Amino acid sequence: MSDLYAVADFCLIPMGTNEPSVAEYIAECQRVLEKSGLTGYGTNLEGPWLKVSQAIHDCHAAVHAKGAPRIATDIRIGTRVDRDIAPGTGNDGKVKRVEVILAKDKPQ
């Protein structure tokens, strides 16, 4: 079986920094995600499981390298094997499906 296609939502929280703002650390993580080649919105990524988990790992490494001594991350990952999902279309397909259902509620 090939690598599972995954959609991961994660929240990375730098801890123990010397300032109340964590914007610089989050910007560093965003730089890592842009280089990863994965698609998604914000910190919602989709792609092969190994690439998704590697990107989250790389964010941790980059934020630690920037000076954050601790990081807490919550991760929710979904996979499915009952259909083929073209890379980069998992989230869009979900949104479009819900939009079709909701469109049926509107009067003609």
PDB file of N, CA and C in Angstrom:
ATOM      1  N   MET A   1       0.848  -1.182   0.000  1.00  0.00           N
ATOM      2  CA  MET A   1       0.000   0.000   0.000  1.00  0.00           C
ATOM      3  C   MET A   1       0.894   1.245   0.000  1.00  0.00           C
ATOM      4  N   SER A   2       0.521   2.220  -0.769  1.00  0.00           N
ATOM      5  CA  SER A   2       1.291   3.454  -0.793  1.00  0.00           C
ATOM      6  C   SER A   2       1.002   4.257   0.469  1.00  0.00           C
ATOM      7  N   ASP A   3       1.747   5.313   0.641  1.00  0.00           N
ATOM      8  CA  ASP A   3       1.583   6.171   1.810  1.00  0.00           C
ATOM      9  C   ASP A   3       0.150   6.687   1.885  1.00  0.00           C
ATOM     10  N   LEU A   4      -0.436   6.668   3.061  1.00  0.00           N
ATOM     11  CA  LEU A   4      -1.793   7.178   3.249  1.00  0.00           C
ATOM     12  C   LEU A   4      -1.853   8.665   2.931  1.00  0.00           C
ATOM     13  N   TYR A   5      -2.927   9.081   2.289  1.00  0.00           N
ATOM     14  CA  TYR A   5      -3.167  10.497   2.050  1.00  0.00           C
ATOM     15  C   TYR A   5      -3.821  11.043   3.309  1.00  0.00           C
ATOM     16  N   ALA A   6      -3.276  12.099   3.858  1.00  0.00           N
ATOM     17  CA  ALA A   6      -3.733  12.602   5.151  1.00  0.00           C
ATOM     18  C   ALA A   6      -4.116  14.070   5.076  1.00  0.00           C
ATOM     19  N   VAL A   7      -5.108  14.427   5.881  1.00  0.00           N
ATOM     20  CA  VAL A   7      -5.445  15.820   6.123  1.00  0.00           C
ATOM     21  C   VAL A   7      -5.191  16.041   7.608  1.00  0.00           C
ATOM     22  N   ALA A   8      -4.298  16.959   7.928  1.00  0.00           N
ATOM     23  CA  ALA A   8      -3.918  17.203   9.315  1.00  0.00           C
ATOM     24  C   ALA A   8      -4.179  18.653   9.681  1.00  0.00           C
ATOM     25  N   ASP A   9      -4.826  18.830  10.809  1.00  0.00           N
ATOM     26  CA  ASP A   9      -5.035  20.152  11.385  1.00  0.00           C
ATOM     27  C   ASP A   9      -4.164  20.201  12.629  1.00  0.00           C
ATOM     28  N   PHE A  10      -3.272  21.193  12.705  1.00  0.00           N
ATOM     29  CA  PHE A  10      -2.437  21.250  13.895  1.00  0.00           C
ATOM     30  C   PHE A  10      -2.308  22.671  14.413  1.00  0.00           C
ATOM     31  N   CYS A  11      -2.102  22.756  15.700  1.00  0.00           N
ATOM     32  CA  CYS A  11      -1.931  24.032  16.391  1.00  0.00           C
ATOM     33  C   CYS A  11      -0.618  23.962  17.154  1.00  0.00           C
ATOM     34  N   LEU A  12       0.353  24.719  16.714  1.00  0.00           N
ATOM     35  CA  LEU A  12       1.674  24.742  17.320  1.00  0.00           C
ATOM     36  C   LEU A  12       1.769  25.954  18.241  1.00  0.00           C
ATOM     37  N   ILE A  13       2.135  25.715  19.497  1.00  0.00           N
ATOM     38  CA  ILE A  13       2.181  26.797  20.489  1.00  0.00           C
ATOM     39  C   ILE A  13       3.582  26.871  21.094  1.00  0.00           C
ATOM     40  N   PRO A  14       4.373  27.897  20.712  1.00  0.00           N
ATOM     41  CA  PRO A  14       5.684  28.085  21.339  1.00  0.00           C
ATOM     42  C   PRO A  14       5.502  28.475  22.804  1.00  0.00           C
ATOM     43  N   MET A  15       6.319  27.913  23.670  1.00  0.00           N
ATOM     44  CA  MET A  15       6.216  28.199  25.102  1.00  0.00           C
ATOM     45  C   MET A  15       7.587  28.575  25.651  1.00  0.00           C
ATOM     46  N   GLY A  16       7.589  29.373  26.707  1.00  0.00           N
ATOM     47  CA  GLY A  16       8.837  29.731  27.375  1.00  0.00           C
ATOM     48  C   GLY A  16       9.653  30.769  26.640  1.00  0.00           C
ATOM     49  N   THR A  17       9.002  31.545  25.775  1.00  0.00           N
ATOM     50  CA  THR A  17       9.721  32.598  25.065  1.00  0.00           C
ATOM     51  C   THR A  17       9.827  33.819  25.970  1.00  0.00           C
ATOM     52  N   ASN A  18      10.676  34.747  25.627  1.00  0.00           N
ATOM     53  CA  ASN A  18      10.903  35.929  26.461  1.00  0.00           C
ATOM     54  C   ASN A  18       9.923  37.058  26.199  1.00  0.00           C
ATOM     55  N   GLU A  19       8.952  36.845  25.344  1.00  0.00           N
ATOM     56  CA  GLU A  19       7.995  37.900  25.008  1.00  0.00           C
ATOM     57  C   GLU A  19       6.600  37.300  24.895  1.00  0.00           C
ATOM     58  N   PRO A  20       5.571  38.108  25.109  1.00  0.00           N
ATOM     59  CA  PRO A  20       4.210  37.569  25.035  1.00  0.00           C
ATOM     60  C   PRO A  20       3.763  37.216  23.621  1.00  0.00           C
ATOM     61  N   SER A  21       4.286  37.881  22.616  1.00  0.00           N
ATOM     62  CA  SER A  21       3.897  37.605  21.236  1.00  0.00           C
ATOM     63  C   SER A  21       4.671  36.403  20.709  1.00  0.00           C
ATOM     64  N   VAL A  22       3.970  35.524  19.994  1.00  0.00           N
ATOM     65  CA  VAL A  22       4.634  34.380  19.365  1.00  0.00           C
ATOM     66  C   VAL A  22       4.606  34.495  17.841  1.00  0.00           C
ATOM     67  N   ALA A  23       4.257  35.667  17.338  1.00  0.00           N
ATOM     68  CA  ALA A  23       4.104  35.875  15.895  1.00  0.00           C
ATOM     69  C   ALA A  23       5.369  35.527  15.117  1.00  0.00           C
ATOM     70  N   GLU A  24       6.536  35.880  15.622  1.00  0.00           N
ATOM     71  CA  GLU A  24       7.782  35.580  14.905  1.00  0.00           C
ATOM     72  C   GLU A  24       7.996  34.073  14.775  1.00  0.00           C
ATOM     73  N   TYR A  25       7.619  33.336  15.803  1.00  0.00           N
ATOM     74  CA  TYR A  25       7.778  31.882  15.786  1.00  0.00           C
ATOM     75  C   TYR A  25       6.786  31.236  14.809  1.00  0.00           C
ATOM     76  N   ILE A  26       5.576  31.731  14.812  1.00  0.00           N
ATOM     77  CA  ILE A  26       4.562  31.200  13.901  1.00  0.00           C
ATOM     78  C   ILE A  26       4.933  31.538  12.454  1.00  0.00           C
ATOM     79  N   ALA A  27       5.484  32.729  12.238  1.00  0.00           N
ATOM     80  CA  ALA A  27       5.940  33.096  10.893  1.00  0.00           C
ATOM     81  C   ALA A  27       7.035  32.131  10.429  1.00  0.00           C
ATOM     82  N   GLU A  28       7.904  31.723  11.344  1.00  0.00           N
ATOM     83  CA  GLU A  28       8.967  30.774  10.997  1.00  0.00           C
ATOM     84  C   GLU A  28       8.373  29.429  10.585  1.00  0.00           C
ATOM     85  N   CYS A  29       7.363  28.979  11.305  1.00  0.00           N
ATOM     86  CA  CYS A  29       6.684  27.735  10.943  1.00  0.00           C
ATOM     87  C   CYS A  29       6.023  27.875   9.574  1.00  0.00           C
ATOM     88  N   GLN A  30       5.411  29.013   9.313  1.00  0.00           N
ATOM     89  CA  GLN A  30       4.762  29.233   8.017  1.00  0.00           C
ATOM     90  C   GLN A  30       5.784  29.170   6.880  1.00  0.00           C
ATOM     91  N   ARG A  31       6.993  29.678   7.121  1.00  0.00           N
ATOM     92  CA  ARG A  31       8.050  29.577   6.102  1.00  0.00           C
ATOM     93  C   ARG A  31       8.358  28.115   5.785  1.00  0.00           C
ATOM     94  N   VAL A  32       8.422  27.299   6.829  1.00  0.00           N
ATOM     95  CA  VAL A  32       8.678  25.869   6.648  1.00  0.00           C
ATOM     96  C   VAL A  32       7.561  25.235   5.824  1.00  0.00           C
ATOM     97  N   LEU A  33       6.311  25.563   6.160  1.00  0.00           N
ATOM     98  CA  LEU A  33       5.171  24.971   5.451  1.00  0.00           C
ATOM     99  C   LEU A  33       5.153  25.380   3.985  1.00  0.00           C
ATOM    100  N   GLU A  34       5.501  26.626   3.696  1.00  0.00           N
ATOM    101  CA  GLU A  34       5.531  27.081   2.306  1.00  0.00           C
ATOM    102  C   GLU A  34       6.552  26.288   1.488  1.00  0.00           C
ATOM    103  N   LYS A  35       7.663  25.912   2.111  1.00  0.00           N
ATOM    104  CA  LYS A  35       8.700  25.137   1.418  1.00  0.00           C
ATOM    105  C   LYS A  35       8.336  23.661   1.282  1.00  0.00           C
ATOM    106  N   SER A  36       7.374  23.196   2.080  1.00  0.00           N
ATOM    107  CA  SER A  36       7.053  21.765   2.107  1.00  0.00           C
ATOM    108  C   SER A  36       6.382  21.268   0.838  1.00  0.00           C
ATOM    109  N   GLY A  37       5.738  22.168   0.105  1.00  0.00           N
ATOM    110  CA  GLY A  37       5.028  21.768  -1.102  1.00  0.00           C
ATOM    111  C   GLY A  37       3.657  21.179  -0.832  1.00  0.00           C
ATOM    112  N   LEU A  38       3.237  21.166   0.427  1.00  0.00           N
ATOM    113  CA  LEU A  38       1.915  20.659   0.773  1.00  0.00           C
ATOM    114  C   LEU A  38       0.874  21.744   0.583  1.00  0.00           C
ATOM    115  N   THR A  39      -0.363  21.333   0.420  1.00  0.00           N
ATOM    116  CA  THR A  39      -1.441  22.296   0.283  1.00  0.00           C
ATOM    117  C   THR A  39      -2.210  22.377   1.588  1.00  0.00           C
ATOM    118  N   GLY A  40      -3.016  23.411   1.711  1.00  0.00           N
ATOM    119  CA  GLY A  40      -3.841  23.561   2.899  1.00  0.00           C
ATOM    120  C   GLY A  40      -4.132  25.019   3.175  1.00  0.00           C
ATOM    121  N   TYR A  41      -4.813  25.229   4.258  1.00  0.00           N
ATOM    122  CA  TYR A  41      -5.198  26.572   4.667  1.00  0.00           C
ATOM    123  C   TYR A  41      -4.740  26.767   6.100  1.00  0.00           C
ATOM    124  N   GLY A  42      -3.952  27.825   6.353  1.00  0.00           N
ATOM    125  CA  GLY A  42      -3.471  28.050   7.713  1.00  0.00           C
ATOM    126  C   GLY A  42      -2.612  26.881   8.148  1.00  0.00           C
ATOM    127  N   THR A  43      -3.010  26.215   9.215  1.00  0.00           N
ATOM    128  CA  THR A  43      -2.261  25.053   9.686  1.00  0.00           C
ATOM    129  C   THR A  43      -3.056  23.786   9.459  1.00  0.00           C
ATOM    130  N   ASN A  44      -3.781  23.749   8.363  1.00  0.00           N
ATOM    131  CA  ASN A  44      -4.477  22.553   7.920  1.00  0.00           C
ATOM    132  C   ASN A  44      -3.747  22.104   6.668  1.00  0.00           C
ATOM    133  N   LEU A  45      -3.092  20.957   6.733  1.00  0.00           N
ATOM    134  CA  LEU A  45      -2.274  20.465   5.624  1.00  0.00           C
ATOM    135  C   LEU A  45      -2.880  19.221   5.024  1.00  0.00           C
ATOM    136  N   GLU A  46      -2.632  19.005   3.758  1.00  0.00           N
ATOM    137  CA  GLU A  46      -3.018  17.736   3.167  1.00  0.00           C
ATOM    138  C   GLU A  46      -1.948  17.260   2.218  1.00  0.00           C
ATOM    139  N   GLY A  47      -1.753  15.960   2.222  1.00  0.00           N
ATOM    140  CA  GLY A  47      -0.757  15.336   1.384  1.00  0.00           C
ATOM    141  C   GLY A  47      -0.424  13.968   1.935  1.00  0.00           C
ATOM    142  N   PRO A  48       0.618  13.327   1.427  1.00  0.00           N
ATOM    143  CA  PRO A  48       1.020  12.027   1.950  1.00  0.00           C
ATOM    144  C   PRO A  48       1.362  12.122   3.444  1.00  0.00           C
ATOM    145  N   TRP A  49       0.948  11.115   4.201  1.00  0.00           N
ATOM    146  CA  TRP A  49       1.129  11.090   5.662  1.00  0.00           C
ATOM    147  C   TRP A  49       2.567  11.440   6.047  1.00  0.00           C
ATOM    148  N   LEU A  50       3.524  10.810   5.392  1.00  0.00           N
ATOM    149  CA  LEU A  50       4.919  11.030   5.769  1.00  0.00           C
ATOM    150  C   LEU A  50       5.359  12.472   5.536  1.00  0.00           C
ATOM    151  N   LYS A  51       4.904  13.074   4.441  1.00  0.00           N
ATOM    152  CA  LYS A  51       5.256  14.481   4.183  1.00  0.00           C
ATOM    153  C   LYS A  51       4.568  15.410   5.183  1.00  0.00           C
ATOM    154  N   VAL A  52       3.313  15.120   5.523  1.00  0.00           N
ATOM    155  CA  VAL A  52       2.580  15.942   6.480  1.00  0.00           C
ATOM    156  C   VAL A  52       3.272  15.891   7.841  1.00  0.00           C
ATOM    157  N   SER A  53       3.577  14.688   8.315  1.00  0.00           N
ATOM    158  CA  SER A  53       4.220  14.576   9.620  1.00  0.00           C
ATOM    159  C   SER A  53       5.630  15.172   9.600  1.00  0.00           C
ATOM    160  N   GLN A  54       6.327  15.046   8.471  1.00  0.00           N
ATOM    161  CA  GLN A  54       7.658  15.655   8.352  1.00  0.00           C
ATOM    162  C   GLN A  54       7.570  17.175   8.423  1.00  0.00           C
ATOM    163  N   ALA A  55       6.550  17.761   7.792  1.00  0.00           N
ATOM    164  CA  ALA A  55       6.391  19.215   7.815  1.00  0.00           C
ATOM    165  C   ALA A  55       6.133  19.714   9.244  1.00  0.00           C
ATOM    166  N   ILE A  56       5.318  18.987   9.998  1.00  0.00           N
ATOM    167  CA  ILE A  56       5.059  19.377  11.390  1.00  0.00           C
ATOM    168  C   ILE A  56       6.346  19.247  12.205  1.00  0.00           C
ATOM    169  N   HIS A  57       7.088  18.167  11.987  1.00  0.00           N
ATOM    170  CA  HIS A  57       8.395  17.993  12.634  1.00  0.00           C
ATOM    171  C   HIS A  57       9.313  19.169  12.307  1.00  0.00           C
ATOM    172  N   ASP A  58       9.373  19.533  11.030  1.00  0.00           N
ATOM    173  CA  ASP A  58      10.261  20.611  10.595  1.00  0.00           C
ATOM    174  C   ASP A  58       9.863  21.950  11.211  1.00  0.00           C
ATOM    175  N   CYS A  59       8.557  22.154  11.420  1.00  0.00           N
ATOM    176  CA  CYS A  59       8.110  23.374  12.110  1.00  0.00           C
ATOM    177  C   CYS A  59       8.648  23.392  13.536  1.00  0.00           C
ATOM    178  N   HIS A  60       8.548  22.253  14.214  1.00  0.00           N
ATOM    179  CA  HIS A  60       9.089  22.178  15.574  1.00  0.00           C
ATOM    180  C   HIS A  60      10.574  22.516  15.580  1.00  0.00           C
ATOM    181  N   ALA A  61      11.327  21.898  14.678  1.00  0.00           N
ATOM    182  CA  ALA A  61      12.774  22.125  14.636  1.00  0.00           C
ATOM    183  C   ALA A  61      13.090  23.597  14.364  1.00  0.00           C
ATOM    184  N   ALA A  62      12.356  24.218  13.454  1.00  0.00           N
ATOM    185  CA  ALA A  62      12.614  25.622  13.106  1.00  0.00           C
ATOM    186  C   ALA A  62      12.261  26.564  14.254  1.00  0.00           C
ATOM    187  N   VAL A  63      11.161  26.299  14.929  1.00  0.00           N
ATOM    188  CA  VAL A  63      10.746  27.164  16.042  1.00  0.00           C
ATOM    189  C   VAL A  63      11.697  26.986  17.227  1.00  0.00           C
ATOM    190  N   HIS A  64      12.170  25.769  17.479  1.00  0.00           N
ATOM    191  CA  HIS A  64      13.194  25.570  18.515  1.00  0.00           C
ATOM    192  C   HIS A  64      14.477  26.307  18.133  1.00  0.00           C
ATOM    193  N   ALA A  65      14.870  26.214  16.869  1.00  0.00           N
ATOM    194  CA  ALA A  65      16.089  26.888  16.409  1.00  0.00           C
ATOM    195  C   ALA A  65      15.971  28.404  16.551  1.00  0.00           C
ATOM    196  N   LYS A  66      14.753  28.911  16.485  1.00  0.00           N
ATOM    197  CA  LYS A  66      14.527  30.354  16.631  1.00  0.00           C
ATOM    198  C   LYS A  66      14.585  30.772  18.104  1.00  0.00           C
ATOM    199  N   GLY A  67      14.592  29.799  19.031  1.00  0.00           N
ATOM    200  CA  GLY A  67      14.774  30.141  20.436  1.00  0.00           C
ATOM    201  C   GLY A  67      13.691  29.687  21.392  1.00  0.00           C
ATOM    202  N   ALA A  68      12.612  29.115  20.895  1.00  0.00           N
ATOM    203  CA  ALA A  68      11.552  28.648  21.802  1.00  0.00           C
ATOM    204  C   ALA A  68      12.021  27.364  22.483  1.00  0.00           C
ATOM    205  N   PRO A  69      12.117  27.361  23.820  1.00  0.00           N
ATOM    206  CA  PRO A  69      12.615  26.168  24.492  1.00  0.00           C
ATOM    207  C   PRO A  69      11.594  25.028  24.566  1.00  0.00           C
ATOM    208  N   ARG A  70      10.314  25.369  24.471  1.00  0.00           N
ATOM    209  CA  ARG A  70       9.258  24.346  24.539  1.00  0.00           C
ATOM    210  C   ARG A  70       8.206  24.637  23.484  1.00  0.00           C
ATOM    211  N   ILE A  71       7.571  23.561  23.001  1.00  0.00           N
ATOM    212  CA  ILE A  71       6.471  23.695  22.041  1.00  0.00           C
ATOM    213  C   ILE A  71       5.413  22.666  22.399  1.00  0.00           C
ATOM    214  N   ALA A  72       4.176  23.108  22.419  1.00  0.00           N
ATOM    215  CA  ALA A  72       3.051  22.189  22.577  1.00  0.00           C
ATOM    216  C   ALA A  72       2.272  22.198  21.262  1.00  0.00           C
ATOM    217  N   THR A  73       1.961  21.025  20.744  1.00  0.00           N
ATOM    218  CA  THR A  73       1.223  20.931  19.482  1.00  0.00           C
ATOM    219  C   THR A  73       0.088  19.929  19.619  1.00  0.00           C
ATOM    220  N   ASP A  74      -1.093  20.371  19.220  1.00  0.00           N
ATOM    221  CA  ASP A  74      -2.245  19.486  19.105  1.00  0.00           C
ATOM    222  C   ASP A  74      -2.386  19.137  17.640  1.00  0.00           C
ATOM    223  N   ILE A  75      -2.606  17.863  17.343  1.00  0.00           N
ATOM    224  CA  ILE A  75      -2.726  17.416  15.957  1.00  0.00           C
ATOM    225  C   ILE A  75      -3.957  16.526  15.813  1.00  0.00           C
ATOM    226  N   ARG A  76      -4.733  16.807  14.773  1.00  0.00           N
ATOM    227  CA  ARG A  76      -5.863  15.943  14.401  1.00  0.00           C
ATOM    228  C   ARG A  76      -5.624  15.545  12.947  1.00  0.00           C
ATOM    229  N   ILE A  77      -5.584  14.234  12.690  1.00  0.00           N
ATOM    230  CA  ILE A  77      -5.295  13.738  11.344  1.00  0.00           C
ATOM    231  C   ILE A  77      -6.420  12.823  10.881  1.00  0.00           C
ATOM    232  N   GLY A  78      -6.857  13.037   9.664  1.00  0.00           N
ATOM    233  CA  GLY A  78      -7.856  12.171   9.057  1.00  0.00           C
ATOM    234  C   GLY A  78      -7.298  11.535   7.798  1.00  0.00           C
ATOM    235  N   THR A  79      -7.641  10.280   7.589  1.00  0.00           N
ATOM    236  CA  THR A  79      -7.252   9.571   6.367  1.00  0.00           C
ATOM    237  C   THR A  79      -8.466   8.821   5.847  1.00  0.00           C
ATOM    238  N   ARG A  80      -8.428   8.442   4.598  1.00  0.00           N
ATOM    239  CA  ARG A  80      -9.473   7.575   4.040  1.00  0.00           C
ATOM    240  C   ARG A  80      -8.873   6.755   2.918  1.00  0.00           C
ATOM    241  N   VAL A  81      -9.379   5.538   2.774  1.00  0.00           N
ATOM    242  CA  VAL A  81      -8.877   4.635   1.742  1.00  0.00           C
ATOM    243  C   VAL A  81      -9.993   4.138   0.834  1.00  0.00           C
ATOM    244  N   ASP A  82     -11.210   4.682   1.020  1.00  0.00           N
ATOM    245  CA  ASP A  82     -12.345   4.213   0.225  1.00  0.00           C
ATOM    246  C   ASP A  82     -12.471   4.926  -1.112  1.00  0.00           C
ATOM    247  N   ARG A  83     -11.629   5.905  -1.367  1.00  0.00           N
ATOM    248  CA  ARG A  83     -11.633   6.587  -2.671  1.00  0.00           C
ATOM    249  C   ARG A  83     -10.283   7.234  -2.899  1.00  0.00           C
ATOM    250  N   ASP A  84      -9.997   7.459  -4.178  1.00  0.00           N
ATOM    251  CA  ASP A  84      -8.763   8.156  -4.531  1.00  0.00           C
ATOM    252  C   ASP A  84      -8.993   9.648  -4.419  1.00  0.00           C
ATOM    253  N   ILE A  85      -8.058  10.336  -3.810  1.00  0.00           N
ATOM    254  CA  ILE A  85      -8.136  11.785  -3.653  1.00  0.00           C
ATOM    255  C   ILE A  85      -6.930  12.380  -4.356  1.00  0.00           C
ATOM    256  N   ALA A  86      -7.180  13.209  -5.343  1.00  0.00           N
ATOM    257  CA  ALA A  86      -6.070  13.853  -6.040  1.00  0.00           C
ATOM    258  C   ALA A  86      -5.361  14.791  -5.075  1.00  0.00           C
ATOM    259  N   PRO A  87      -4.035  14.789  -5.068  1.00  0.00           N
ATOM    260  CA  PRO A  87      -3.302  15.664  -4.156  1.00  0.00           C
ATOM    261  C   PRO A  87      -3.781  17.110  -4.258  1.00  0.00           C
ATOM    262  N   GLY A  88      -4.019  17.703  -3.097  1.00  0.00           N
ATOM    263  CA  GLY A  88      -4.438  19.099  -3.036  1.00  0.00           C
ATOM    264  C   GLY A  88      -5.930  19.317  -3.162  1.00  0.00           C
ATOM    265  N   THR A  89      -6.715  18.245  -3.279  1.00  0.00           N
ATOM    266  CA  THR A  89      -8.149  18.428  -3.478  1.00  0.00           C
ATOM    267  C   THR A  89      -9.000  17.942  -2.315  1.00  0.00           C
ATOM    268  N   GLY A  90      -8.405  17.357  -1.305  1.00  0.00           N
ATOM    269  CA  GLY A  90      -9.165  16.798  -0.187  1.00  0.00           C
ATOM    270  C   GLY A  90     -10.031  17.812   0.532  1.00  0.00           C
ATOM    271  N   ASN A  91      -9.450  18.922   0.935  1.00  0.00           N
ATOM    272  CA  ASN A  91     -10.220  19.941   1.643  1.00  0.00           C
ATOM    273  C   ASN A  91     -11.239  20.610   0.723  1.00  0.00           C
ATOM    274  N   ASP A  92     -10.831  20.926  -0.491  1.00  0.00           N
ATOM    275  CA  ASP A  92     -11.755  21.567  -1.433  1.00  0.00           C
ATOM    276  C   ASP A  92     -12.963  20.687  -1.705  1.00  0.00           C
ATOM    277  N   GLY A  93     -12.716  19.388  -1.868  1.00  0.00           N
ATOM    278  CA  GLY A  93     -13.811  18.460  -2.117  1.00  0.00           C
ATOM    279  C   GLY A  93     -14.800  18.418  -0.972  1.00  0.00           C
ATOM    280  N   LYS A  94     -14.293  18.472   0.247  1.00  0.00           N
ATOM    281  CA  LYS A  94     -15.170  18.465   1.425  1.00  0.00           C
ATOM    282  C   LYS A  94     -16.035  19.710   1.464  1.00  0.00           C
ATOM    283  N   VAL A  95     -15.431  20.850   1.211  1.00  0.00           N
ATOM    284  CA  VAL A  95     -16.173  22.118   1.227  1.00  0.00           C
ATOM    285  C   VAL A  95     -17.231  22.123   0.135  1.00  0.00           C
ATOM    286  N   LYS A  96     -16.866  21.703  -1.067  1.00  0.00           N
ATOM    287  CA  LYS A  96     -17.822  21.690  -2.182  1.00  0.00           C
ATOM    288  C   LYS A  96     -18.995  20.758  -1.907  1.00  0.00           C
ATOM    289  N   ARG A  97     -18.725  19.613  -1.317  1.00  0.00           N
ATOM    290  CA  ARG A  97     -19.798  18.658  -1.002  1.00  0.00           C
ATOM    291  C   ARG A  97     -20.807  19.271  -0.042  1.00  0.00           C
ATOM    292  N   VAL A  98     -20.324  19.951   0.998  1.00  0.00           N
ATOM    293  CA  VAL A  98     -21.227  20.608   1.959  1.00  0.00           C
ATOM    294  C   VAL A  98     -21.992  21.742   1.279  1.00  0.00           C
ATOM    295  N   GLU A  99     -21.342  22.490   0.408  1.00  0.00           N
ATOM    296  CA  GLU A  99     -22.015  23.584  -0.306  1.00  0.00           C
ATOM    297  C   GLU A  99     -23.166  23.041  -1.161  1.00  0.00           C
ATOM    298  N   VAL A 100     -22.970  21.895  -1.812  1.00  0.00           N
ATOM    299  CA  VAL A 100     -24.019  21.278  -2.628  1.00  0.00           C
ATOM    300  C   VAL A 100     -25.216  20.905  -1.746  1.00  0.00           C
ATOM    301  N   ILE A 101     -24.937  20.332  -0.603  1.00  0.00           N
ATOM    302  CA  ILE A 101     -26.012  19.953   0.319  1.00  0.00           C
ATOM    303  C   ILE A 101     -26.761  21.183   0.805  1.00  0.00           C
ATOM    304  N   LEU A 102     -26.044  22.235   1.182  1.00  0.00           N
ATOM    305  CA  LEU A 102     -26.693  23.451   1.681  1.00  0.00           C
ATOM    306  C   LEU A 102     -27.475  24.185   0.594  1.00  0.00           C
ATOM    307  N   ALA A 103     -27.012  24.079  -0.657  1.00  0.00           N
ATOM    308  CA  ALA A 103     -27.706  24.738  -1.763  1.00  0.00           C
ATOM    309  C   ALA A 103     -29.113  24.174  -1.929  1.00  0.00           C
ATOM    310  N   LYS A 104     -29.317  22.925  -1.546  1.00  0.00           N
ATOM    311  CA  LYS A 104     -30.644  22.304  -1.646  1.00  0.00           C
ATOM    312  C   LYS A 104     -31.625  22.939  -0.657  1.00  0.00           C
ATOM    313  N   ASP A 105     -31.115  23.599   0.389  1.00  0.00           N
ATOM    314  CA  ASP A 105     -31.977  24.249   1.386  1.00  0.00           C
ATOM    315  C   ASP A 105     -32.546  25.570   0.901  1.00  0.00           C
ATOM    316  N   LYS A 106     -31.910  26.173  -0.086  1.00  0.00           N
ATOM    317  CA  LYS A 106     -32.338  27.484  -0.565  1.00  0.00           C
ATOM    318  C   LYS A 106     -33.538  27.357  -1.480  1.00  0.00           C
ATOM    319  N   PRO A 107     -34.513  28.267  -1.326  1.00  0.00           N
ATOM    320  CA  PRO A 107     -35.664  28.231  -2.214  1.00  0.00           C
ATOM    321  C   PRO A 107     -35.255  28.543  -3.650  1.00  0.00           C
ATOM    322  N   GLN A 108     -35.900  27.899  -4.574  1.00  0.00           N
ATOM    323  CA  GLN A 108     -35.592  28.080  -5.995  1.00  0.00           C
ATOM    324  C   GLN A 108     -36.180  29.346  -6.536  1.00  0.00           C
TER     325      GLN A 108
END
